[in-house]
Protein backbone atom coordinates (compact mmCIF):
# COMPACT_ATOMS: atom_id res chain seq x y z
CA MET A 1 82.43 63.81 89.45
CA ASN A 2 85.47 65.71 88.28
CA ARG A 3 88.10 63.77 90.27
CA ILE A 4 91.40 66.33 91.24
CA ALA A 5 94.49 64.54 91.06
CA HIS A 6 98.02 65.71 92.35
CA TRP A 7 100.68 66.61 90.20
CA ILE A 8 103.98 64.89 90.70
CA GLY A 9 106.92 64.40 88.04
CA GLY A 10 105.49 66.34 85.25
CA ALA A 11 102.11 64.44 85.18
CA GLU A 12 98.73 64.25 87.05
CA THR A 13 98.88 61.59 89.46
CA ALA A 14 96.01 59.54 91.22
CA GLY A 15 96.02 59.81 94.85
CA THR A 16 96.72 56.38 96.61
CA SER A 17 95.43 57.18 100.21
CA GLY A 18 91.65 56.46 99.54
CA ARG A 19 90.50 59.47 100.96
CA VAL A 20 89.18 62.16 98.85
CA GLY A 21 87.44 65.49 99.76
CA PRO A 22 84.39 67.60 98.23
CA VAL A 23 84.92 70.48 95.80
CA TYR A 24 82.22 72.87 95.37
CA ASN A 25 80.62 75.67 93.40
CA PRO A 26 80.00 78.11 95.77
CA ALA A 27 77.04 80.14 93.36
CA SER A 28 75.20 76.54 93.31
CA GLY A 29 75.89 74.93 96.34
CA GLU A 30 76.53 71.89 94.17
CA GLN A 31 79.67 69.39 94.64
CA SER A 32 81.70 69.90 91.48
CA GLY A 33 84.03 67.41 92.33
CA GLU A 34 86.37 65.78 94.42
CA VAL A 35 90.02 65.83 95.06
CA ASP A 36 92.70 63.23 96.32
CA LEU A 37 93.89 64.02 99.89
CA ALA A 38 97.18 62.67 100.40
CA SER A 39 99.05 60.58 102.85
CA ALA A 40 101.96 61.28 104.62
CA ALA A 41 103.84 58.42 102.63
CA GLU A 42 102.42 60.14 99.24
CA VAL A 43 104.26 63.78 100.33
CA ALA A 44 107.07 62.12 100.92
CA ALA A 45 107.16 60.39 97.52
CA ALA A 46 106.56 63.66 96.13
CA VAL A 47 108.97 65.29 97.68
CA ALA A 48 111.34 62.42 96.71
CA VAL A 49 110.65 63.60 92.98
CA ALA A 50 111.41 67.04 93.37
CA LYS A 51 114.50 66.31 95.34
CA GLU A 52 115.85 64.65 92.53
CA ALA A 53 114.76 66.95 89.84
CA GLY A 54 115.74 69.76 91.85
CA GLN A 55 119.37 68.72 91.65
CA ALA A 56 119.59 69.60 88.01
CA TRP A 57 117.58 72.54 88.06
CA ARG A 58 120.18 74.00 90.55
CA SER A 59 122.88 73.73 87.91
CA ALA A 60 120.75 75.50 85.29
CA SER A 61 122.17 78.67 84.18
CA LEU A 62 120.59 81.87 85.29
CA SER A 63 119.88 82.49 81.34
CA ARG A 64 117.73 79.33 81.09
CA ARG A 65 116.01 80.03 84.44
CA ALA A 66 115.04 83.24 83.08
CA ALA A 67 114.20 81.97 79.95
CA VAL A 68 112.10 79.41 81.57
CA LEU A 69 110.21 82.38 83.83
CA PHE A 70 109.75 84.33 80.45
CA LYS A 71 108.11 82.13 78.90
CA PHE A 72 105.90 80.82 82.09
CA ARG A 73 104.84 84.68 82.35
CA GLU A 74 103.92 84.70 78.43
CA LEU A 75 101.94 81.82 79.00
CA LEU A 76 100.23 83.11 82.07
CA ALA A 77 99.02 86.57 80.38
CA GLU A 78 97.63 84.52 77.13
CA ARG A 79 95.69 82.10 79.28
CA ALA A 80 94.66 84.90 82.05
CA GLY A 81 90.89 84.53 81.49
CA GLU A 82 90.96 80.83 81.74
CA LEU A 83 92.29 80.86 84.91
CA ALA A 84 90.18 83.22 85.97
CA GLU A 85 87.36 81.16 85.42
CA VAL A 86 88.72 78.18 87.26
CA ILE A 87 89.02 80.44 90.25
CA THR A 88 85.65 81.62 89.99
CA SER A 89 84.12 77.60 89.40
CA GLU A 90 85.70 76.78 92.56
CA HIS A 91 86.01 80.08 94.89
CA GLY A 92 83.02 81.89 93.89
CA LYS A 93 84.79 85.24 93.25
CA VAL A 94 83.35 87.76 90.28
CA LEU A 95 85.44 87.05 86.97
CA SER A 96 86.57 90.82 87.46
CA ASP A 97 88.09 90.11 90.69
CA ALA A 98 89.53 86.70 89.63
CA ALA A 99 91.10 88.61 87.11
CA GLY A 100 92.72 91.11 88.89
CA GLU A 101 94.02 88.23 91.32
CA VAL A 102 95.69 86.79 88.22
CA ALA A 103 96.95 90.37 86.99
CA ARG A 104 98.74 90.60 90.60
CA GLY A 105 100.15 87.14 90.39
CA LEU A 106 101.40 87.96 86.80
CA GLU A 107 103.82 90.76 88.26
CA ASN A 108 105.48 88.23 90.61
CA ALA A 109 106.33 86.41 87.45
CA GLU A 110 107.75 89.22 85.86
CA PHE A 111 109.56 90.28 88.85
CA ALA A 112 111.25 86.75 89.15
CA THR A 113 112.46 87.22 85.32
CA GLY A 114 114.87 89.26 86.82
CA ILE A 115 116.66 86.17 88.85
CA PRO A 116 120.18 87.30 86.97
CA HIS A 117 120.40 90.56 88.32
CA LEU A 118 118.35 89.47 91.90
CA MET A 119 120.92 86.58 92.76
CA LYS A 120 124.13 88.82 92.32
CA GLY A 121 126.28 88.82 95.10
CA ALA A 122 129.27 90.89 96.04
CA TYR A 123 133.42 91.19 95.61
CA SER A 124 135.79 92.82 97.86
CA GLU A 125 139.17 93.13 96.39
CA GLN A 126 142.21 92.90 98.87
CA ALA A 127 140.35 92.80 101.75
CA ALA A 128 143.88 91.78 103.31
CA THR A 129 147.03 91.68 101.27
CA GLY A 130 146.30 88.95 98.51
CA VAL A 131 142.79 87.64 99.35
CA ASP A 132 139.59 88.62 97.91
CA VAL A 133 136.30 87.86 99.65
CA TYR A 134 132.97 87.42 98.03
CA SER A 135 129.29 86.28 98.57
CA ILE A 136 126.99 84.09 96.75
CA ARG A 137 123.57 83.34 96.56
CA GLN A 138 122.71 79.44 96.43
CA PRO A 139 118.98 77.66 96.49
CA LEU A 140 118.08 76.12 99.55
CA GLY A 141 116.63 73.21 97.38
CA VAL A 142 113.22 71.67 97.53
CA VAL A 143 110.52 74.00 99.27
CA ALA A 144 107.07 74.43 100.11
CA GLY A 145 104.03 76.40 99.47
CA ILE A 146 101.39 75.76 101.73
CA THR A 147 98.37 78.28 100.49
CA PRO A 148 94.55 79.34 101.56
CA PHE A 149 91.54 79.48 99.22
CA ASN A 150 91.02 82.68 99.07
CA PHE A 151 93.65 83.68 96.26
CA PRO A 152 93.98 80.45 95.22
CA ALA A 153 96.42 81.36 92.05
CA MET A 154 97.82 84.78 93.41
CA VAL A 155 99.68 83.45 96.43
CA PRO A 156 100.83 80.19 95.03
CA LEU A 157 102.25 82.85 92.47
CA TRP A 158 103.87 85.03 94.98
CA MET A 159 106.02 82.04 96.51
CA CYS A 160 106.61 79.42 93.12
CA THR A 161 107.86 82.12 90.92
CA THR A 162 110.67 83.53 93.04
CA ALA A 163 111.37 79.78 94.51
CA ILE A 164 111.81 78.00 91.31
CA ALA A 165 113.59 80.96 89.52
CA ALA A 166 116.11 80.92 92.24
CA GLY A 167 117.11 77.36 91.27
CA ASN A 168 114.77 75.45 94.16
CA ALA A 169 112.14 72.49 93.41
CA PHE A 170 108.79 73.91 95.12
CA VAL A 171 106.36 71.83 96.49
CA LEU A 172 102.90 73.21 96.54
CA LYS A 173 100.19 72.22 98.64
CA PRO A 174 96.96 74.29 97.97
CA SER A 175 93.91 74.49 100.01
CA GLU A 176 91.47 71.31 99.12
CA LYS A 177 88.81 73.90 99.03
CA ASP A 178 89.49 75.21 95.56
CA PRO A 179 92.46 72.92 93.80
CA SER A 180 91.99 73.32 90.35
CA SER A 181 94.23 76.45 89.79
CA ALA A 182 97.08 74.52 91.23
CA LEU A 183 97.44 72.14 88.71
CA PHE A 184 96.16 74.81 85.71
CA LEU A 185 99.38 76.85 86.96
CA ALA A 186 101.57 73.21 86.88
CA ARG A 187 100.40 72.70 83.14
CA LEU A 188 101.74 76.15 82.43
CA TRP A 189 104.69 75.53 84.05
CA ARG A 190 105.31 72.16 81.86
CA ASP A 191 104.41 74.10 78.54
CA ALA A 192 106.87 76.69 80.10
CA GLY A 193 109.63 74.16 79.24
CA LEU A 194 110.52 73.79 83.45
CA PRO A 195 111.53 70.39 83.96
CA ASP A 196 109.72 67.69 85.03
CA GLY A 197 109.46 67.35 88.94
CA VAL A 198 111.11 71.12 89.74
CA PHE A 199 106.79 71.87 90.70
CA THR A 200 104.63 69.48 92.21
CA VAL A 201 101.29 69.90 93.66
CA VAL A 202 100.52 67.54 96.69
CA HIS A 203 96.54 68.15 97.60
CA GLY A 204 95.84 67.34 101.52
CA ASP A 205 94.36 68.13 104.73
CA LYS A 206 96.54 68.27 108.26
CA GLU A 207 98.16 64.90 107.42
CA ALA A 208 99.87 66.23 104.28
CA VAL A 209 100.62 69.71 105.93
CA ASP A 210 102.44 67.66 108.98
CA ALA A 211 104.19 65.84 106.68
CA ILE A 212 105.34 68.59 104.71
CA LEU A 213 106.60 70.54 108.19
CA ALA A 214 108.23 67.45 109.19
CA HIS A 215 109.93 66.22 106.20
CA PRO A 216 113.64 66.47 106.38
CA ASP A 217 114.46 67.20 102.83
CA ILE A 218 112.10 70.20 102.56
CA ALA A 219 114.41 73.22 103.60
CA ALA A 220 111.66 75.87 103.75
CA VAL A 221 107.93 76.22 104.32
CA SER A 222 105.91 79.71 102.93
CA PHE A 223 102.21 79.84 104.67
CA VAL A 224 99.45 82.29 104.37
CA GLY A 225 96.21 81.37 106.46
CA SER A 226 94.77 82.47 109.67
CA THR A 227 97.02 83.50 112.84
CA PRO A 228 96.03 80.35 114.90
CA ILE A 229 97.30 78.17 112.04
CA ALA A 230 100.00 80.56 111.16
CA LYS A 231 101.22 80.03 114.56
CA TYR A 232 101.20 76.21 114.39
CA ILE A 233 102.99 76.03 111.26
CA TYR A 234 105.89 78.11 112.50
CA GLU A 235 106.60 76.15 115.62
CA THR A 236 105.83 73.11 113.87
CA GLY A 237 108.29 73.89 110.92
CA THR A 238 111.41 75.96 113.04
CA ALA A 239 111.06 72.97 115.39
CA HIS A 240 112.35 70.65 112.38
CA GLY A 241 115.00 72.86 111.40
CA LYS A 242 112.87 74.66 109.10
CA ARG A 243 113.08 78.37 107.90
CA VAL A 244 109.57 79.31 107.74
CA GLN A 245 107.17 82.50 106.85
CA ALA A 246 103.87 82.13 108.26
CA LEU A 247 101.04 84.89 107.34
CA GLY A 248 98.59 85.11 109.77
CA GLY A 249 95.37 87.01 110.00
CA ALA A 250 94.44 90.32 109.86
CA LYS A 251 92.24 93.44 111.27
CA ASN A 252 92.68 96.02 108.66
CA HIS A 253 91.32 99.62 109.89
CA MET A 254 90.84 102.57 108.00
CA VAL A 255 91.35 105.94 109.62
CA VAL A 256 88.86 108.77 108.14
CA LEU A 257 89.89 112.39 109.32
CA PRO A 258 87.46 115.25 109.22
CA ASP A 259 89.22 116.50 106.61
CA ALA A 260 89.18 113.50 104.25
CA GLU A 261 86.77 113.58 100.91
CA LEU A 262 83.64 111.82 101.79
CA ASP A 263 82.90 110.67 98.45
CA ALA A 264 86.31 109.08 97.99
CA ALA A 265 86.44 107.42 101.45
CA ALA A 266 83.08 106.27 101.44
CA ASP A 267 83.40 104.65 97.49
CA ALA A 268 87.37 102.71 99.44
CA ALA A 269 85.37 101.65 102.47
CA VAL A 270 82.85 99.80 100.36
CA SER A 271 85.11 98.18 97.87
CA ALA A 272 87.78 97.02 100.07
CA ALA A 273 85.28 95.83 102.57
CA TYR A 274 82.85 93.56 100.53
CA GLY A 275 85.18 93.06 97.18
CA SER A 276 85.50 89.45 97.12
CA ALA A 277 82.75 88.88 99.83
CA GLY A 278 85.57 90.30 102.19
CA GLU A 279 87.71 87.33 102.43
CA ARG A 280 90.83 88.94 101.68
CA CYS A 281 93.51 89.61 104.62
CA MET A 282 93.87 92.36 102.89
CA ALA A 283 90.09 93.56 103.51
CA VAL A 284 88.96 96.65 105.33
CA SER A 285 87.17 95.22 108.23
CA VAL A 286 86.97 98.27 110.56
CA VAL A 287 86.35 102.29 109.31
CA VAL A 288 87.63 104.74 112.42
CA ALA A 289 85.32 107.55 111.79
CA VAL A 290 87.66 110.71 113.72
CA GLY A 291 85.52 113.58 115.16
CA ASP A 292 82.08 114.77 113.28
CA VAL A 293 82.95 112.86 109.84
CA ALA A 294 81.37 110.09 111.33
CA ASP A 295 77.73 110.69 110.88
CA PRO A 296 77.99 111.83 107.24
CA LEU A 297 80.52 109.23 106.53
CA VAL A 298 78.11 106.34 107.64
CA ASP A 299 75.44 107.94 105.67
CA ALA A 300 77.19 108.05 102.81
CA ILE A 301 78.67 103.71 102.91
CA ALA A 302 75.11 103.37 103.50
CA ALA A 303 73.84 104.85 100.45
CA ARG A 304 75.82 102.82 98.23
CA LEU A 305 75.27 99.23 99.75
CA PRO A 306 71.77 98.98 98.03
CA LYS A 307 72.96 99.34 94.70
CA LEU A 308 75.63 96.55 94.84
CA ARG A 309 74.66 93.66 92.77
CA ILE A 310 75.29 90.32 94.91
CA GLY A 311 75.43 87.10 92.43
CA ALA A 312 77.14 84.16 90.47
CA GLY A 313 80.65 85.21 89.73
CA THR A 314 80.28 83.86 86.13
CA ASP A 315 77.31 86.80 85.77
CA PRO A 316 78.91 90.06 84.83
CA GLU A 317 76.78 91.98 86.21
CA SER A 318 77.74 90.62 89.70
CA GLN A 319 79.81 92.91 91.70
CA MET A 320 80.03 90.37 94.67
CA GLY A 321 80.15 86.63 94.90
CA PRO A 322 78.91 83.84 97.59
CA LEU A 323 81.37 82.66 100.32
CA ILE A 324 83.36 79.92 100.04
CA SER A 325 81.23 77.28 101.85
CA ALA A 326 77.63 77.30 104.02
CA ALA A 327 79.64 76.49 107.35
CA HIS A 328 82.07 79.71 106.59
CA ARG A 329 78.63 81.78 105.72
CA ASP A 330 76.86 80.81 108.78
CA LYS A 331 79.70 81.18 110.65
CA VAL A 332 79.95 84.99 109.44
CA ALA A 333 75.91 85.57 109.99
CA GLY A 334 76.60 84.38 113.49
CA TYR A 335 78.97 87.40 114.02
CA VAL A 336 76.38 89.83 112.82
CA SER A 337 74.10 88.44 115.22
CA ARG A 338 76.01 88.61 118.19
CA GLY A 339 77.09 92.11 117.31
CA ALA A 340 73.83 93.19 117.23
CA THR A 341 73.44 91.58 120.73
CA ALA A 342 76.51 93.36 121.74
CA GLY A 343 74.76 96.70 121.06
CA ALA A 344 76.29 97.59 117.81
CA THR A 345 73.45 99.53 115.38
CA VAL A 346 72.85 97.25 112.17
CA VAL A 347 72.99 99.71 109.91
CA ALA A 348 72.92 97.33 107.17
CA ASP A 349 71.58 93.58 107.98
CA GLY A 350 73.28 90.89 105.08
CA ARG A 351 71.18 88.33 106.39
CA VAL A 352 67.69 89.29 105.47
CA ALA A 353 69.25 90.82 102.14
CA ASP A 354 67.45 89.67 99.10
CA LEU A 355 70.23 86.98 97.66
CA PRO A 356 70.02 84.30 94.83
CA ALA A 357 68.05 80.92 96.30
CA ASP A 358 71.01 78.59 95.85
CA GLY A 359 74.87 78.82 96.97
CA PHE A 360 76.44 80.54 99.54
CA PHE A 361 75.23 83.36 99.48
CA LEU A 362 75.49 86.73 102.14
CA GLY A 363 74.43 90.20 101.90
CA VAL A 364 76.57 92.91 103.05
CA THR A 365 76.22 94.34 106.60
CA LEU A 366 77.23 97.49 107.99
CA LEU A 367 77.55 97.76 111.63
CA ASP A 368 77.88 101.45 113.51
CA ASN A 369 79.07 102.13 117.09
CA VAL A 370 80.50 99.30 117.26
CA THR A 371 83.58 99.26 120.54
CA PRO A 372 86.51 97.12 121.07
CA ASP A 373 85.41 94.78 123.29
CA MET A 374 83.07 92.93 120.94
CA ASP A 375 83.71 89.93 119.03
CA VAL A 376 82.70 91.66 115.77
CA TYR A 377 85.67 93.94 116.30
CA ALA A 378 88.06 91.48 117.90
CA ASP A 379 88.10 88.49 115.87
CA GLU A 380 88.87 88.24 112.15
CA ILE A 381 85.18 87.39 110.57
CA PHE A 382 86.79 87.02 107.02
CA GLY A 383 83.25 88.06 105.28
CA PRO A 384 81.15 91.08 104.15
CA VAL A 385 80.95 92.56 107.24
CA LEU A 386 82.31 96.71 107.86
CA CYS A 387 82.29 97.49 111.34
CA VAL A 388 82.50 101.34 112.54
CA VAL A 389 84.14 102.80 115.36
CA ARG A 390 84.01 106.26 116.41
CA VAL A 391 86.59 108.19 118.33
CA GLN A 392 87.23 112.01 118.70
CA THR A 393 90.89 112.32 118.01
CA TYR A 394 93.90 110.91 115.46
CA ALA A 395 95.30 109.99 118.93
CA GLU A 396 92.74 107.78 119.88
CA ALA A 397 92.39 106.35 116.32
CA LEU A 398 96.56 105.48 116.44
CA GLU A 399 96.11 103.79 120.03
CA LEU A 400 92.87 101.95 118.52
CA ILE A 401 94.90 100.14 115.69
CA ASN A 402 98.49 99.96 117.87
CA ASP A 403 96.50 97.90 120.47
CA ASN A 404 95.09 95.87 118.12
CA GLU A 405 96.53 92.52 118.07
CA TYR A 406 97.09 92.15 114.22
CA GLY A 407 99.53 94.45 112.41
CA ASN A 408 98.54 93.30 108.40
CA GLY A 409 97.61 96.34 106.75
CA THR A 410 95.87 99.86 107.81
CA ALA A 411 95.08 102.89 105.40
CA ILE A 412 94.37 106.54 106.27
CA PHE A 413 91.93 109.00 104.53
CA THR A 414 92.99 112.81 104.44
CA ARG A 415 94.00 115.71 102.68
CA ASP A 416 96.40 116.82 105.24
CA GLY A 417 100.29 115.52 104.21
CA GLY A 418 101.53 116.07 107.42
CA ALA A 419 98.93 113.98 109.06
CA ALA A 420 99.57 111.06 106.47
CA ARG A 421 103.26 111.55 106.86
CA GLN A 422 102.90 111.17 111.03
CA PHE A 423 100.27 107.92 110.82
CA GLN A 424 102.75 105.90 108.40
CA PHE A 425 105.47 107.22 110.61
CA ASP A 426 103.56 106.23 113.76
CA VAL A 427 101.25 103.20 113.09
CA ASN A 428 102.52 99.74 113.93
CA ALA A 429 101.56 97.65 110.92
CA GLY A 430 103.35 96.34 107.71
CA MET A 431 101.81 97.73 105.02
CA VAL A 432 100.03 101.52 105.08
CA GLY A 433 98.29 103.40 102.83
CA VAL A 434 97.30 106.66 102.36
CA ASN A 435 94.04 107.61 100.51
CA VAL A 436 94.86 103.81 99.50
CA PRO A 437 92.30 101.12 101.00
CA ILE A 438 93.83 98.06 100.65
CA PRO A 439 97.86 98.69 100.43
CA VAL A 440 98.97 95.53 98.88
CA PRO A 441 102.40 96.22 97.77
CA VAL A 442 103.67 95.58 93.85
CA ALA A 443 106.12 92.54 93.26
CA TYR A 444 109.30 94.36 93.39
CA TYR A 445 109.00 95.32 96.92
CA SER A 446 107.59 92.65 99.95
CA PHE A 447 104.21 91.83 101.28
CA GLY A 448 103.92 91.13 104.96
CA GLY A 449 102.41 92.53 107.89
CA TRP A 450 103.49 92.88 111.79
CA LYS A 451 102.27 91.22 115.29
CA ALA A 452 100.04 88.48 114.84
CA SER A 453 99.49 89.00 111.22
CA LEU A 454 103.43 87.26 110.78
CA PHE A 455 105.56 84.48 111.90
CA GLY A 456 108.87 84.78 110.81
CA ASP A 457 111.68 87.11 109.84
CA THR A 458 110.85 88.17 106.64
CA HIS A 459 108.16 89.24 104.16
CA MET A 460 106.91 87.53 100.87
CA TYR A 461 107.49 88.47 97.52
CA GLY A 462 109.94 90.54 96.01
CA PRO A 463 113.72 91.28 97.64
CA ASP A 464 112.16 89.46 100.72
CA GLY A 465 111.11 86.48 98.99
CA VAL A 466 114.84 85.98 97.27
CA HIS A 467 116.19 86.65 100.27
CA PHE A 468 114.00 83.85 102.18
CA PHE A 469 114.55 81.31 99.32
CA THR A 470 118.06 81.70 99.23
CA ARG A 471 120.99 81.52 101.14
CA THR A 472 124.05 83.42 101.18
CA LYS A 473 127.97 81.64 101.04
CA VAL A 474 130.74 83.82 101.80
CA VAL A 475 134.05 82.90 99.97
CA THR A 476 137.38 84.29 100.64
CA SER A 477 140.31 83.17 98.23
CA ARG A 478 143.73 83.57 97.97
CA TRP A 479 146.05 82.77 94.97
CA PRO A 480 149.66 82.45 96.65
CA ASP A 481 152.97 82.24 94.49
CA PRO A 482 155.15 79.16 95.24
CA GLY A 483 156.86 79.10 98.30
CA THR A 484 155.37 82.14 99.46
CA SER A 485 153.05 80.32 102.17
CA SER A 486 153.83 79.53 106.25
CA VAL A 487 152.83 78.04 109.22
CA ASP A 488 150.78 80.48 111.66
CA LEU A 489 149.14 79.03 114.26
CA GLY A 490 147.46 83.02 115.25
CA PHE A 491 144.07 84.00 114.27
CA PRO A 492 143.53 85.50 110.57
CA GLN A 493 143.69 89.11 110.69
CA THR A 494 142.65 91.32 107.65
CA ARG A 495 146.27 93.21 107.77
């Protein structure tokens, strides 16, 4: 049995809590390893190492930090295929999808190589007579990332690249369901020349999370997960005086107007709904069919589903792999049952699909005539289930999206530029796609939703990431000639 340890002080460190968690190969259903689960005391010890290492790293020059980031980026590119295999072995997504995850994470490393430019402040000469004012950005100290199972490499790379480039020490608490990708990244950081202790991996469950949220030496916490947990992370972390960004769940709508290119819309809906078995916070889970496009659109989507190849992620012929666990598979199947009972039309039923005998597989499901009062519409299912809601007008489609509690991502498919522009102006969501079904921003913008999809003031990575992992200091300076000063108890004026 493969034992997955922590990474503390630049080396694998076996846990001492006596607690472990199982790690599975979702394609076979077999346990492939066990991961150490840290106690609060182990978290505290790891943070102490990170704090000491971070004090020296903060003093490293910007050029030194950039050099490490460049090297890390090169190593990540060279070994991307290996990392994709690690992701597939524990998450189950197909290798091509895992490779795409690594590629998007690589973009964040590339963005962070520009840290000398990103850390620049501002300077105002002669703000008052003989007085100059300037601002500088400085790291926070020790910061932490708590990341989800569905992107075990990309989401940590969203956080750690910017945090480390900015001069912080970074403590990662990855998902205990697929923890090995975090150790792979740790070895790359070491090989890139990052000082020991600046990047730390502590595995664990709620005990480790709570220890991170309460630890006085952790200045900020970045989180991605479900909305209930995001709310808990935000409230608990901020109550302990921390800066927190907590990205929550989603119910992403894709509006299809009657003038849309039908085949392109159908291809996009299938790709965005069933890629990675729907285990993406940016997956399209609701298609909003406007007017008379509904019947041909549903037919076009349904015609594509029998052609999808479902199997082990290591099989190059597979297009969709298993879900993360047996429990989650059964939970998703339960939503399909409740949707049918509530009156949705089951166009394709993933529960009765021809699937591999072993593993945590579920086929693709398409539900038509879904209404907002159904559980399958209201809840984030996080599986290969696509709902179709029919409306008559653009205004109804917009109202549906804006009334939803989530506001992560949305998309519109149309040939009408005016309608697309109006949609991006009207819709209450943080990320919008125009004929793009999964509008994940490139690394030099920032990722984040609105409403119950984000708790905190800043989005993740890109410019917002730099702001989150640094704080601004403003310096007001004067260099007077000897004998020119005097006592003045009045409030300083800039005249």
